[in-house]
């Protein structure tokens, strides 16, 4: 056999093995928002940065908070510390954070608002510090730790750009897509193009996996889910695979319900992340049949802890034990979580025996 004909060596990092479809005796673990306010070392570094956005755009400090949960817990992956709303800012939206309330943006509600946006090709000057953070992490992470890059999905990003903030029902975005579909569709296309370029640059900087967060996918129903959650995910994944064929992609259409079924096949995602509104046994039967799943312990257990945390963790591991699985929460860890409960969760995963 010639050198060129040798089969590719199987990836050795546990998360890459799970993403390639391997069923492992112990699932790899990471946790959404694992670098965050529940950790005292994060709070200290954020205070040093001055504010949230300054932390995002400081490569050394952003890399530091990304590394903190790896040092403390030994997670199998680190996820880049950034924010999904950096892309709208790079497209020209005003972005600021209100303490205790969350993000605020200038709004896009008509054609003139859309016309004021920058082209997707103009995002990289603003986002250059993020790529530098990825480069630092690719050098400094332990050899066994996978580096995950990410972006928000177009629908979720659009909901913030239209409303100027998070909303309980994404009502302003639904109103625009129904009342001015040409403006809405143009905005979705612009965000999609920017997201492809942004994730591609993260990969070029050293990200080994990327994840697309569609936090508000659950508010899209029927044909709207297909058009505005599934189709943009397919477009992003197809473009990334064309540029970077070996990079796995995780898709997270949160609260998709039955929309999770077939999502991996329809979009080309290597893994579908599952929120905790669906039972792990259901997800194993209906979603894991198509490949790797990620999830789906309720993040509330990181607050309450105790034996209930151990039993719920074991239930998730048991449910997904017959196929490729990455253990994670069903949503991000909350600021009121107890760091000791994270350690208890990891111990329960790694000590589980069927």
C-alpha atoms as a PDB file:
ATOM      1  CA  UNK A   1       0.000   0.000   0.000  1.00  0.00           C
ATOM      2  CA  UNK A   2       1.387   3.396  -0.921  1.00  0.00           C
ATOM      3  CA  UNK A   3       1.651   6.170   1.632  1.00  0.00           C
ATOM      4  CA  UNK A   4      -1.144   8.038  -0.105  1.00  0.00           C
ATOM      5  CA  UNK A   5      -3.427   5.020   0.159  1.00  0.00           C
ATOM      6  CA  UNK A   6      -3.060   4.478   3.888  1.00  0.00           C
ATOM      7  CA  UNK A   7      -6.306   4.833   5.785  1.00  0.00           C
ATOM      8  CA  UNK A   8      -6.654   7.990   7.855  1.00  0.00           C
ATOM      9  CA  UNK A   9      -5.755   7.503  11.483  1.00  0.00           C
ATOM     10  CA  UNK A  10      -8.788   7.566  13.769  1.00  0.00           C
ATOM     11  CA  UNK A  11      -9.019  10.706  15.897  1.00  0.00           C
ATOM     12  CA  UNK A  12      -7.735  10.078  19.399  1.00  0.00           C
ATOM     13  CA  UNK A  13      -9.422  12.835  21.391  1.00  0.00           C
ATOM     14  CA  UNK A  14     -12.557  11.416  22.989  1.00  0.00           C
ATOM     15  CA  UNK A  15     -14.920  14.090  21.702  1.00  0.00           C
ATOM     16  CA  UNK A  16     -13.614  13.708  18.162  1.00  0.00           C
ATOM     17  CA  UNK A  17     -14.077   9.946  18.478  1.00  0.00           C
ATOM     18  CA  UNK A  18     -17.702  10.396  19.589  1.00  0.00           C
ATOM     19  CA  UNK A  19     -18.321  12.881  16.795  1.00  0.00           C
ATOM     20  CA  UNK A  20     -16.935  10.325  14.331  1.00  0.00           C
ATOM     21  CA  UNK A  21     -19.640   7.901  15.482  1.00  0.00           C
ATOM     22  CA  UNK A  22     -17.767   5.816  18.036  1.00  0.00           C
ATOM     23  CA  UNK A  23     -19.586   4.484  21.087  1.00  0.00           C
ATOM     24  CA  UNK A  24     -17.268   4.965  24.071  1.00  0.00           C
ATOM     25  CA  UNK A  25     -17.426   3.196  27.430  1.00  0.00           C
ATOM     26  CA  UNK A  26     -17.451   6.594  29.174  1.00  0.00           C
ATOM     27  CA  UNK A  27     -18.871   9.582  27.302  1.00  0.00           C
ATOM     28  CA  UNK A  28     -16.654  12.653  26.997  1.00  0.00           C
ATOM     29  CA  UNK A  29     -17.851  15.673  28.979  1.00  0.00           C
ATOM     30  CA  UNK A  30     -18.007  19.411  28.595  1.00  0.00           C
ATOM     31  CA  UNK A  31     -20.576  21.925  29.729  1.00  0.00           C
ATOM     32  CA  UNK A  32     -22.270  24.855  28.049  1.00  0.00           C
ATOM     33  CA  UNK A  33     -21.168  28.140  29.678  1.00  0.00           C
ATOM     34  CA  UNK A  34     -18.534  26.208  31.595  1.00  0.00           C
ATOM     35  CA  UNK A  35     -16.470  29.423  31.691  1.00  0.00           C
ATOM     36  CA  UNK A  36     -18.827  31.683  33.581  1.00  0.00           C
ATOM     37  CA  UNK A  37     -20.011  33.549  36.621  1.00  0.00           C
ATOM     38  CA  UNK A  38     -20.472  30.482  38.830  1.00  0.00           C
ATOM     39  CA  UNK A  39     -16.652  30.270  39.063  1.00  0.00           C
ATOM     40  CA  UNK A  40     -14.843  32.691  41.394  1.00  0.00           C
ATOM     41  CA  UNK A  41     -11.791  32.720  39.116  1.00  0.00           C
ATOM     42  CA  UNK A  42     -13.991  33.844  36.212  1.00  0.00           C
ATOM     43  CA  UNK A  43     -15.466  36.674  38.269  1.00  0.00           C
ATOM     44  CA  UNK A  44     -11.980  37.843  39.190  1.00  0.00           C
ATOM     45  CA  UNK A  45     -10.822  37.858  35.557  1.00  0.00           C
ATOM     46  CA  UNK A  46     -13.956  39.649  34.378  1.00  0.00           C
ATOM     47  CA  UNK A  47     -13.373  42.322  37.007  1.00  0.00           C
ATOM     48  CA  UNK A  48      -9.840  42.687  35.670  1.00  0.00           C
ATOM     49  CA  UNK A  49     -11.204  43.134  32.137  1.00  0.00           C
ATOM     50  CA  UNK A  50     -13.649  45.806  33.259  1.00  0.00           C
ATOM     51  CA  UNK A  51     -16.812  44.615  31.512  1.00  0.00           C
ATOM     52  CA  UNK A  52     -18.145  41.676  29.519  1.00  0.00           C
ATOM     53  CA  UNK A  53     -17.384  42.956  26.024  1.00  0.00           C
ATOM     54  CA  UNK A  54     -13.888  44.033  27.045  1.00  0.00           C
ATOM     55  CA  UNK A  55     -13.334  40.483  28.254  1.00  0.00           C
ATOM     56  CA  UNK A  56     -14.582  39.024  24.953  1.00  0.00           C
ATOM     57  CA  UNK A  57     -12.236  41.230  22.930  1.00  0.00           C
ATOM     58  CA  UNK A  58      -9.138  40.728  25.111  1.00  0.00           C
ATOM     59  CA  UNK A  59      -7.490  37.584  23.674  1.00  0.00           C
ATOM     60  CA  UNK A  60      -5.271  36.901  26.690  1.00  0.00           C
ATOM     61  CA  UNK A  61      -8.086  37.252  29.240  1.00  0.00           C
ATOM     62  CA  UNK A  62     -10.654  35.453  27.053  1.00  0.00           C
ATOM     63  CA  UNK A  63      -8.215  32.565  26.696  1.00  0.00           C
ATOM     64  CA  UNK A  64      -7.646  32.602  30.454  1.00  0.00           C
ATOM     65  CA  UNK A  65     -11.348  32.224  31.313  1.00  0.00           C
ATOM     66  CA  UNK A  66     -11.681  29.500  28.660  1.00  0.00           C
ATOM     67  CA  UNK A  67      -8.856  27.588  30.332  1.00  0.00           C
ATOM     68  CA  UNK A  68     -10.133  28.010  33.916  1.00  0.00           C
ATOM     69  CA  UNK A  69     -12.753  25.209  33.889  1.00  0.00           C
ATOM     70  CA  UNK A  70     -10.272  22.924  32.134  1.00  0.00           C
ATOM     71  CA  UNK A  71      -7.771  23.412  34.952  1.00  0.00           C
ATOM     72  CA  UNK A  72     -10.426  23.003  37.632  1.00  0.00           C
ATOM     73  CA  UNK A  73     -12.382  20.048  36.223  1.00  0.00           C
ATOM     74  CA  UNK A  74     -10.445  18.457  33.369  1.00  0.00           C
ATOM     75  CA  UNK A  75     -13.306  18.690  30.875  1.00  0.00           C
ATOM     76  CA  UNK A  76     -12.722  16.883  27.600  1.00  0.00           C
ATOM     77  CA  UNK A  77     -13.359  20.070  25.611  1.00  0.00           C
ATOM     78  CA  UNK A  78     -12.930  23.799  25.967  1.00  0.00           C
ATOM     79  CA  UNK A  79     -15.359  26.108  24.196  1.00  0.00           C
ATOM     80  CA  UNK A  80     -14.127  29.469  23.027  1.00  0.00           C
ATOM     81  CA  UNK A  81     -15.198  32.306  25.322  1.00  0.00           C
ATOM     82  CA  UNK A  82     -17.094  34.825  23.214  1.00  0.00           C
ATOM     83  CA  UNK A  83     -20.737  35.793  22.607  1.00  0.00           C
ATOM     84  CA  UNK A  84     -23.191  35.121  19.793  1.00  0.00           C
ATOM     85  CA  UNK A  85     -23.898  38.859  19.483  1.00  0.00           C
ATOM     86  CA  UNK A  86     -20.377  39.759  18.404  1.00  0.00           C
ATOM     87  CA  UNK A  87     -21.410  38.954  14.811  1.00  0.00           C
ATOM     88  CA  UNK A  88     -24.200  41.577  14.777  1.00  0.00           C
ATOM     89  CA  UNK A  89     -21.764  44.065  16.266  1.00  0.00           C
ATOM     90  CA  UNK A  90     -19.250  43.240  13.543  1.00  0.00           C
ATOM     91  CA  UNK A  91     -22.024  43.796  10.982  1.00  0.00           C
ATOM     92  CA  UNK A  92     -22.504  47.310  12.344  1.00  0.00           C
ATOM     93  CA  UNK A  93     -25.135  46.976  15.067  1.00  0.00           C
ATOM     94  CA  UNK A  94     -24.611  48.882  18.293  1.00  0.00           C
ATOM     95  CA  UNK A  95     -24.156  46.425  21.184  1.00  0.00           C
ATOM     96  CA  UNK A  96     -23.964  46.987  24.897  1.00  0.00           C
ATOM     97  CA  UNK A  97     -24.768  45.020  28.058  1.00  0.00           C
ATOM     98  CA  UNK A  98     -26.954  46.232  30.918  1.00  0.00           C
ATOM     99  CA  UNK A  99     -25.861  44.833  34.271  1.00  0.00           C
ATOM    100  CA  UNK A 100     -28.411  42.375  35.568  1.00  0.00           C
ATOM    101  CA  UNK A 101     -30.536  42.585  32.418  1.00  0.00           C
ATOM    102  CA  UNK A 102     -28.381  41.328  29.538  1.00  0.00           C
ATOM    103  CA  UNK A 103     -27.604  42.514  26.018  1.00  0.00           C
ATOM    104  CA  UNK A 104     -29.040  45.483  24.170  1.00  0.00           C
ATOM    105  CA  UNK A 105     -28.670  46.198  20.447  1.00  0.00           C
ATOM    106  CA  UNK A 106     -29.766  48.818  17.987  1.00  0.00           C
ATOM    107  CA  UNK A 107     -32.777  47.408  16.144  1.00  0.00           C
ATOM    108  CA  UNK A 108     -33.459  46.479  12.526  1.00  0.00           C
ATOM    109  CA  UNK A 109     -37.141  46.782  11.735  1.00  0.00           C
ATOM    110  CA  UNK A 110     -37.226  47.913   8.099  1.00  0.00           C
ATOM    111  CA  UNK A 111     -35.257  48.107   4.846  1.00  0.00           C
ATOM    112  CA  UNK A 112     -33.317  51.205   5.895  1.00  0.00           C
ATOM    113  CA  UNK A 113     -32.080  49.443   9.017  1.00  0.00           C
ATOM    114  CA  UNK A 114     -30.909  46.504   6.963  1.00  0.00           C
ATOM    115  CA  UNK A 115     -29.269  48.762   4.379  1.00  0.00           C
ATOM    116  CA  UNK A 116     -27.136  50.315   7.123  1.00  0.00           C
ATOM    117  CA  UNK A 117     -25.463  46.980   7.889  1.00  0.00           C
ATOM    118  CA  UNK A 118     -21.966  46.186   6.680  1.00  0.00           C
ATOM    119  CA  UNK A 119     -21.361  43.380   4.182  1.00  0.00           C
ATOM    120  CA  UNK A 120     -20.432  39.999   5.644  1.00  0.00           C
ATOM    121  CA  UNK A 121     -16.915  40.362   4.268  1.00  0.00           C
ATOM    122  CA  UNK A 122     -16.326  43.341   6.593  1.00  0.00           C
ATOM    123  CA  UNK A 123     -16.671  41.474   9.899  1.00  0.00           C
ATOM    124  CA  UNK A 124     -13.110  40.297  10.347  1.00  0.00           C
ATOM    125  CA  UNK A 125     -11.489  43.521  11.535  1.00  0.00           C
ATOM    126  CA  UNK A 126     -13.891  43.620  14.480  1.00  0.00           C
ATOM    127  CA  UNK A 127     -13.602  39.902  15.164  1.00  0.00           C
ATOM    128  CA  UNK A 128      -9.823  39.595  14.785  1.00  0.00           C
ATOM    129  CA  UNK A 129      -9.323  39.427  18.596  1.00  0.00           C
ATOM    130  CA  UNK A 130     -11.599  36.373  18.698  1.00  0.00           C
ATOM    131  CA  UNK A 131      -9.437  34.577  16.160  1.00  0.00           C
ATOM    132  CA  UNK A 132      -6.383  35.470  18.245  1.00  0.00           C
ATOM    133  CA  UNK A 133      -8.054  33.921  21.304  1.00  0.00           C
ATOM    134  CA  UNK A 134      -8.520  30.690  19.330  1.00  0.00           C
ATOM    135  CA  UNK A 135      -4.855  30.711  18.344  1.00  0.00           C
ATOM    136  CA  UNK A 136      -3.777  31.134  21.968  1.00  0.00           C
ATOM    137  CA  UNK A 137      -6.040  28.293  23.082  1.00  0.00           C
ATOM    138  CA  UNK A 138      -4.837  25.952  20.347  1.00  0.00           C
ATOM    139  CA  UNK A 139      -1.337  26.380  21.780  1.00  0.00           C
ATOM    140  CA  UNK A 140      -2.154  26.292  25.490  1.00  0.00           C
ATOM    141  CA  UNK A 141      -4.855  23.668  25.888  1.00  0.00           C
ATOM    142  CA  UNK A 142      -3.790  20.218  27.108  1.00  0.00           C
ATOM    143  CA  UNK A 143      -3.097  17.818  24.249  1.00  0.00           C
ATOM    144  CA  UNK A 144      -6.131  15.679  25.117  1.00  0.00           C
ATOM    145  CA  UNK A 145      -8.598  18.605  25.212  1.00  0.00           C
ATOM    146  CA  UNK A 146     -10.695  19.434  22.142  1.00  0.00           C
ATOM    147  CA  UNK A 147     -11.145  23.097  21.201  1.00  0.00           C
ATOM    148  CA  UNK A 148     -14.691  24.038  20.187  1.00  0.00           C
ATOM    149  CA  UNK A 149     -15.543  27.236  18.326  1.00  0.00           C
ATOM    150  CA  UNK A 150     -19.089  28.500  17.985  1.00  0.00           C
ATOM    151  CA  UNK A 151     -21.572  30.992  16.629  1.00  0.00           C
ATOM    152  CA  UNK A 152     -25.236  31.748  17.023  1.00  0.00           C
ATOM    153  CA  UNK A 153     -27.626  30.402  14.404  1.00  0.00           C
ATOM    154  CA  UNK A 154     -29.128  32.999  12.052  1.00  0.00           C
ATOM    155  CA  UNK A 155     -32.663  32.818  13.487  1.00  0.00           C
ATOM    156  CA  UNK A 156     -31.508  33.313  17.060  1.00  0.00           C
ATOM    157  CA  UNK A 157     -29.126  36.127  16.128  1.00  0.00           C
ATOM    158  CA  UNK A 158     -31.856  37.772  14.051  1.00  0.00           C
ATOM    159  CA  UNK A 159     -34.275  37.754  16.992  1.00  0.00           C
ATOM    160  CA  UNK A 160     -31.857  39.926  18.968  1.00  0.00           C
ATOM    161  CA  UNK A 161     -31.071  42.208  16.039  1.00  0.00           C
ATOM    162  CA  UNK A 162     -34.773  42.834  15.408  1.00  0.00           C
ATOM    163  CA  UNK A 163     -35.948  43.245  19.004  1.00  0.00           C
ATOM    164  CA  UNK A 164     -32.776  44.825  20.379  1.00  0.00           C
ATOM    165  CA  UNK A 165     -32.817  42.412  23.306  1.00  0.00           C
ATOM    166  CA  UNK A 166     -33.924  38.975  24.354  1.00  0.00           C
ATOM    167  CA  UNK A 167     -37.695  38.485  24.355  1.00  0.00           C
ATOM    168  CA  UNK A 168     -39.858  35.752  25.884  1.00  0.00           C
ATOM    169  CA  UNK A 169     -41.568  34.729  22.633  1.00  0.00           C
ATOM    170  CA  UNK A 170     -39.345  36.271  19.898  1.00  0.00           C
ATOM    171  CA  UNK A 171     -42.471  38.222  18.915  1.00  0.00           C
ATOM    172  CA  UNK A 172     -40.738  41.113  17.088  1.00  0.00           C
ATOM    173  CA  UNK A 173     -38.823  38.688  14.842  1.00  0.00           C
ATOM    174  CA  UNK A 174     -41.968  36.701  14.051  1.00  0.00           C
ATOM    175  CA  UNK A 175     -43.773  39.957  13.237  1.00  0.00           C
ATOM    176  CA  UNK A 176     -41.027  41.050  10.830  1.00  0.00           C
ATOM    177  CA  UNK A 177     -40.777  37.696   9.044  1.00  0.00           C
ATOM    178  CA  UNK A 178     -44.550  37.733   8.505  1.00  0.00           C
ATOM    179  CA  UNK A 179     -44.998  41.459   7.830  1.00  0.00           C
ATOM    180  CA  UNK A 180     -41.861  42.268   5.830  1.00  0.00           C
ATOM    181  CA  UNK A 181     -40.498  38.938   4.630  1.00  0.00           C
ATOM    182  CA  UNK A 182     -38.141  40.531   2.100  1.00  0.00           C
ATOM    183  CA  UNK A 183     -36.346  42.449   4.862  1.00  0.00           C
ATOM    184  CA  UNK A 184     -36.319  39.433   7.158  1.00  0.00           C
ATOM    185  CA  UNK A 185     -35.009  37.087   4.482  1.00  0.00           C
ATOM    186  CA  UNK A 186     -32.262  39.556   3.540  1.00  0.00           C
ATOM    187  CA  UNK A 187     -31.221  39.819   7.193  1.00  0.00           C
ATOM    188  CA  UNK A 188     -31.150  36.029   7.565  1.00  0.00           C
ATOM    189  CA  UNK A 189     -29.026  35.718   4.422  1.00  0.00           C
ATOM    190  CA  UNK A 190     -26.564  38.355   5.683  1.00  0.00           C
ATOM    191  CA  UNK A 191     -26.231  36.669   9.075  1.00  0.00           C
ATOM    192  CA  UNK A 192     -25.817  33.250   7.432  1.00  0.00           C
ATOM    193  CA  UNK A 193     -23.019  34.469   5.172  1.00  0.00           C
ATOM    194  CA  UNK A 194     -21.245  36.178   8.078  1.00  0.00           C
ATOM    195  CA  UNK A 195     -21.617  33.091  10.275  1.00  0.00           C
ATOM    196  CA  UNK A 196     -20.026  30.841   7.660  1.00  0.00           C
ATOM    197  CA  UNK A 197     -17.040  33.190   7.335  1.00  0.00           C
ATOM    198  CA  UNK A 198     -16.755  33.649  11.107  1.00  0.00           C
ATOM    199  CA  UNK A 199     -16.732  29.922  11.847  1.00  0.00           C
ATOM    200  CA  UNK A 200     -14.357  29.259   8.968  1.00  0.00           C
ATOM    201  CA  UNK A 201     -11.898  31.763  10.427  1.00  0.00           C
ATOM    202  CA  UNK A 202     -12.186  30.101  13.839  1.00  0.00           C
ATOM    203  CA  UNK A 203     -11.336  26.780  12.208  1.00  0.00           C
ATOM    204  CA  UNK A 204      -8.361  28.290  10.402  1.00  0.00           C
ATOM    205  CA  UNK A 205      -7.183  29.696  13.754  1.00  0.00           C
ATOM    206  CA  UNK A 206      -7.292  26.245  15.393  1.00  0.00           C
ATOM    207  CA  UNK A 207     -10.856  25.252  16.352  1.00  0.00           C
ATOM    208  CA  UNK A 208     -11.272  21.475  15.993  1.00  0.00           C
ATOM    209  CA  UNK A 209     -15.070  21.429  16.228  1.00  0.00           C
ATOM    210  CA  UNK A 210     -17.663  24.174  15.791  1.00  0.00           C
ATOM    211  CA  UNK A 211     -21.120  24.436  17.291  1.00  0.00           C
ATOM    212  CA  UNK A 212     -24.106  26.414  16.027  1.00  0.00           C
ATOM    213  CA  UNK A 213     -26.427  27.584  18.822  1.00  0.00           C
ATOM    214  CA  UNK A 214     -30.066  28.129  17.821  1.00  0.00           C
ATOM    215  CA  UNK A 215     -31.301  29.030  21.290  1.00  0.00           C
ATOM    216  CA  UNK A 216     -34.761  30.177  20.101  1.00  0.00           C
ATOM    217  CA  UNK A 217     -35.417  27.486  17.462  1.00  0.00           C
ATOM    218  CA  UNK A 218     -38.285  26.175  19.569  1.00  0.00           C
ATOM    219  CA  UNK A 219     -40.443  29.203  18.775  1.00  0.00           C
ATOM    220  CA  UNK A 220     -40.428  28.251  15.071  1.00  0.00           C
ATOM    221  CA  UNK A 221     -43.192  25.825  14.165  1.00  0.00           C
ATOM    222  CA  UNK A 222     -43.914  23.687  11.138  1.00  0.00           C
ATOM    223  CA  UNK A 223     -42.753  25.125   7.834  1.00  0.00           C
ATOM    224  CA  UNK A 224     -41.151  28.082   9.612  1.00  0.00           C
ATOM    225  CA  UNK A 225     -38.858  25.692  11.514  1.00  0.00           C
ATOM    226  CA  UNK A 226     -37.819  24.050   8.262  1.00  0.00           C
ATOM    227  CA  UNK A 227     -37.169  27.362   6.545  1.00  0.00           C
ATOM    228  CA  UNK A 228     -35.535  29.379   9.321  1.00  0.00           C
ATOM    229  CA  UNK A 229     -33.870  26.792  11.598  1.00  0.00           C
ATOM    230  CA  UNK A 230     -33.145  23.694   9.528  1.00  0.00           C
ATOM    231  CA  UNK A 231     -32.320  25.298   6.184  1.00  0.00           C
ATOM    232  CA  UNK A 232     -29.812  27.883   7.528  1.00  0.00           C
ATOM    233  CA  UNK A 233     -28.124  25.123   9.534  1.00  0.00           C
ATOM    234  CA  UNK A 234     -27.864  23.024   6.387  1.00  0.00           C
ATOM    235  CA  UNK A 235     -26.454  25.958   4.431  1.00  0.00           C
ATOM    236  CA  UNK A 236     -23.853  26.763   7.090  1.00  0.00           C
ATOM    237  CA  UNK A 237     -22.767  23.153   7.546  1.00  0.00           C
ATOM    238  CA  UNK A 238     -22.593  22.490   3.804  1.00  0.00           C
ATOM    239  CA  UNK A 239     -20.393  25.547   3.257  1.00  0.00           C
ATOM    240  CA  UNK A 240     -18.114  24.710   6.194  1.00  0.00           C
ATOM    241  CA  UNK A 241     -17.735  21.090   5.057  1.00  0.00           C
ATOM    242  CA  UNK A 242     -16.789  22.302   1.578  1.00  0.00           C
ATOM    243  CA  UNK A 243     -14.022  24.465   3.051  1.00  0.00           C
ATOM    244  CA  UNK A 244     -13.003  22.195   5.936  1.00  0.00           C
ATOM    245  CA  UNK A 245     -14.108  18.612   5.174  1.00  0.00           C
ATOM    246  CA  UNK A 246     -12.698  17.079   8.350  1.00  0.00           C
ATOM    247  CA  UNK A 247     -14.177  19.518  10.889  1.00  0.00           C
ATOM    248  CA  UNK A 248     -17.184  18.171  12.823  1.00  0.00           C
ATOM    249  CA  UNK A 249     -20.173  20.439  13.415  1.00  0.00           C
ATOM    250  CA  UNK A 250     -22.577  20.266  16.372  1.00  0.00           C
ATOM    251  CA  UNK A 251     -26.045  21.749  15.844  1.00  0.00           C
ATOM    252  CA  UNK A 252     -28.249  22.837  18.755  1.00  0.00           C
ATOM    253  CA  UNK A 253     -31.832  23.693  17.713  1.00  0.00           C
ATOM    254  CA  UNK A 254     -32.970  24.149  21.324  1.00  0.00           C
ATOM    255  CA  UNK A 255     -36.495  23.023  22.197  1.00  0.00           C
ATOM    256  CA  UNK A 256     -37.039  21.689  18.692  1.00  0.00           C
ATOM    257  CA  UNK A 257     -39.110  18.782  20.044  1.00  0.00           C
ATOM    258  CA  UNK A 258     -40.015  16.496  17.143  1.00  0.00           C
ATOM    259  CA  UNK A 259     -37.851  18.784  14.985  1.00  0.00           C
ATOM    260  CA  UNK A 260     -34.827  17.015  16.437  1.00  0.00           C
ATOM    261  CA  UNK A 261     -35.845  13.896  14.504  1.00  0.00           C
ATOM    262  CA  UNK A 262     -33.894  13.728  11.276  1.00  0.00           C
ATOM    263  CA  UNK A 263     -32.146  17.060  11.912  1.00  0.00           C
ATOM    264  CA  UNK A 264     -28.671  15.566  11.583  1.00  0.00           C
ATOM    265  CA  UNK A 265     -29.431  13.876   8.258  1.00  0.00           C
ATOM    266  CA  UNK A 266     -31.187  16.930   6.860  1.00  0.00           C
ATOM    267  CA  UNK A 267     -28.426  19.394   7.763  1.00  0.00           C
ATOM    268  CA  UNK A 268     -25.244  17.298   7.658  1.00  0.00           C
ATOM    269  CA  UNK A 269     -24.523  17.914  11.346  1.00  0.00           C
ATOM    270  CA  UNK A 270     -22.154  15.414  12.951  1.00  0.00           C
ATOM    271  CA  UNK A 271     -23.956  15.757  16.279  1.00  0.00           C
ATOM    272  CA  UNK A 272     -27.261  17.155  17.504  1.00  0.00           C
ATOM    273  CA  UNK A 273     -27.300  18.730  20.950  1.00  0.00           C
ATOM    274  CA  UNK A 274     -30.472  18.001  22.900  1.00  0.00           C
ATOM    275  CA  UNK A 275     -32.074  20.251  25.512  1.00  0.00           C
ATOM    276  CA  UNK A 276     -33.697  18.831  28.625  1.00  0.00           C
ATOM    277  CA  UNK A 277     -37.295  19.395  27.497  1.00  0.00           C
ATOM    278  CA  UNK A 278     -37.108  15.934  25.907  1.00  0.00           C
ATOM    279  CA  UNK A 279     -36.377  12.703  27.746  1.00  0.00           C
ATOM    280  CA  UNK A 280     -32.989  11.120  27.077  1.00  0.00           C
ATOM    281  CA  UNK A 281     -34.668   7.798  26.348  1.00  0.00           C
ATOM    282  CA  UNK A 282     -36.816   9.460  23.658  1.00  0.00           C
ATOM    283  CA  UNK A 283     -33.759  11.169  22.170  1.00  0.00           C
ATOM    284  CA  UNK A 284     -31.845   7.891  22.131  1.00  0.00           C
ATOM    285  CA  UNK A 285     -34.685   6.211  20.223  1.00  0.00           C
ATOM    286  CA  UNK A 286     -35.433   9.009  17.760  1.00  0.00           C
ATOM    287  CA  UNK A 287     -32.265  11.103  17.384  1.00  0.00           C
ATOM    288  CA  UNK A 288     -29.245   9.017  18.337  1.00  0.00           C
ATOM    289  CA  UNK A 289     -30.174   6.515  15.644  1.00  0.00           C
ATOM    290  CA  UNK A 290     -28.696   9.023  13.171  1.00  0.00           C
ATOM    291  CA  UNK A 291     -25.400   9.532  15.022  1.00  0.00           C
ATOM    292  CA  UNK A 292     -23.861  11.382  17.924  1.00  0.00           C
ATOM    293  CA  UNK A 293     -26.026  13.264  20.387  1.00  0.00           C
ATOM    294  CA  UNK A 294     -24.956  15.755  23.043  1.00  0.00           C
ATOM    295  CA  UNK A 295     -26.814  16.408  26.272  1.00  0.00           C
ATOM    296  CA  UNK A 296     -28.980  16.612  28.175  1.00  0.00           C
ATOM    297  CA  UNK A 297     -28.899  17.006  31.990  1.00  0.00           C
ATOM    298  CA  UNK A 298     -31.088  19.825  33.340  1.00  0.00           C
ATOM    299  CA  UNK A 299     -28.863  22.720  34.412  1.00  0.00           C
ATOM    300  CA  UNK A 300     -30.969  23.153  37.563  1.00  0.00           C
ATOM    301  CA  UNK A 301     -29.156  20.129  39.017  1.00  0.00           C
ATOM    302  CA  UNK A 302     -25.978  22.242  39.105  1.00  0.00           C
ATOM    303  CA  UNK A 303     -27.765  24.401  41.682  1.00  0.00           C
ATOM    304  CA  UNK A 304     -29.535  21.768  43.767  1.00  0.00           C
ATOM    305  CA  UNK A 305     -26.969  18.940  43.685  1.00  0.00           C
ATOM    306  CA  UNK A 306     -27.310  15.935  45.943  1.00  0.00           C
ATOM    307  CA  UNK A 307     -28.402  12.416  45.120  1.00  0.00           C
ATOM    308  CA  UNK A 308     -30.951  13.708  42.616  1.00  0.00           C
ATOM    309  CA  UNK A 309     -28.060  15.100  40.555  1.00  0.00           C
ATOM    310  CA  UNK A 310     -26.254  11.769  40.635  1.00  0.00           C
ATOM    311  CA  UNK A 311     -29.365   9.812  39.639  1.00  0.00           C
ATOM    312  CA  UNK A 312     -30.294  12.218  36.824  1.00  0.00           C
ATOM    313  CA  UNK A 313     -26.731  12.115  35.507  1.00  0.00           C
ATOM    314  CA  UNK A 314     -26.719   8.320  35.540  1.00  0.00           C
ATOM    315  CA  UNK A 315     -30.073   8.288  33.734  1.00  0.00           C
ATOM    316  CA  UNK A 316     -28.637  10.376  30.873  1.00  0.00           C
ATOM    317  CA  UNK A 317     -25.498   8.245  30.580  1.00  0.00           C
ATOM    318  CA  UNK A 318     -27.523   5.029  30.683  1.00  0.00           C
ATOM    319  CA  UNK A 319     -30.028   6.220  28.076  1.00  0.00           C
ATOM    320  CA  UNK A 320     -27.337   7.090  25.542  1.00  0.00           C
ATOM    321  CA  UNK A 321     -24.913   4.268  26.356  1.00  0.00           C
ATOM    322  CA  UNK A 322     -25.603   2.249  23.200  1.00  0.00           C
ATOM    323  CA  UNK A 323     -24.432   4.931  20.770  1.00  0.00           C
ATOM    324  CA  UNK A 324     -22.123   7.926  20.341  1.00  0.00           C
ATOM    325  CA  UNK A 325     -22.737  10.484  23.089  1.00  0.00           C
ATOM    326  CA  UNK A 326     -21.143  13.634  24.468  1.00  0.00           C
ATOM    327  CA  UNK A 327     -22.333  14.374  28.002  1.00  0.00           C
ATOM    328  CA  UNK A 328     -23.480  17.950  28.537  1.00  0.00           C
ATOM    329  CA  UNK A 329     -26.248  19.978  30.066  1.00  0.00           C
ATOM    330  CA  UNK A 330     -29.500  20.645  28.256  1.00  0.00           C
ATOM    331  CA  UNK A 331     -28.765  24.376  28.514  1.00  0.00           C
ATOM    332  CA  UNK A 332     -25.984  26.559  29.883  1.00  0.00           C
ATOM    333  CA  UNK A 333     -24.959  26.417  33.523  1.00  0.00           C
ATOM    334  CA  UNK A 334     -26.438  29.291  35.517  1.00  0.00           C
ATOM    335  CA  UNK A 335     -24.542  31.836  37.658  1.00  0.00           C
ATOM    336  CA  UNK A 336     -26.086  30.470  40.880  1.00  0.00           C
ATOM    337  CA  UNK A 337     -24.655  26.970  40.321  1.00  0.00           C
ATOM    338  CA  UNK A 338     -22.392  25.430  42.952  1.00  0.00           C
ATOM    339  CA  UNK A 339     -18.951  24.519  41.548  1.00  0.00           C
ATOM    340  CA  UNK A 340     -18.941  21.457  43.797  1.00  0.00           C
ATOM    341  CA  UNK A 341     -22.005  20.124  41.984  1.00  0.00           C
ATOM    342  CA  UNK A 342     -20.105  20.244  38.696  1.00  0.00           C
ATOM    343  CA  UNK A 343     -17.410  18.062  40.232  1.00  0.00           C
ATOM    344  CA  UNK A 344     -20.117  15.678  41.505  1.00  0.00           C
ATOM    345  CA  UNK A 345     -21.636  15.449  38.021  1.00  0.00           C
ATOM    346  CA  UNK A 346     -18.290  14.642  36.419  1.00  0.00           C
ATOM    347  CA  UNK A 347     -17.611  11.986  39.048  1.00  0.00           C
ATOM    348  CA  UNK A 348     -21.023  10.419  38.410  1.00  0.00           C
ATOM    349  CA  UNK A 349     -20.392  10.265  34.653  1.00  0.00           C
ATOM    350  CA  UNK A 350     -16.927   8.816  34.928  1.00  0.00           C
ATOM    351  CA  UNK A 351     -17.834   6.283  37.628  1.00  0.00           C
ATOM    352  CA  UNK A 352     -21.030   5.057  35.947  1.00  0.00           C
ATOM    353  CA  UNK A 353     -21.264   1.360  35.244  1.00  0.00           C
ATOM    354  CA  UNK A 354     -24.345  -0.065  33.559  1.00  0.00           C
END
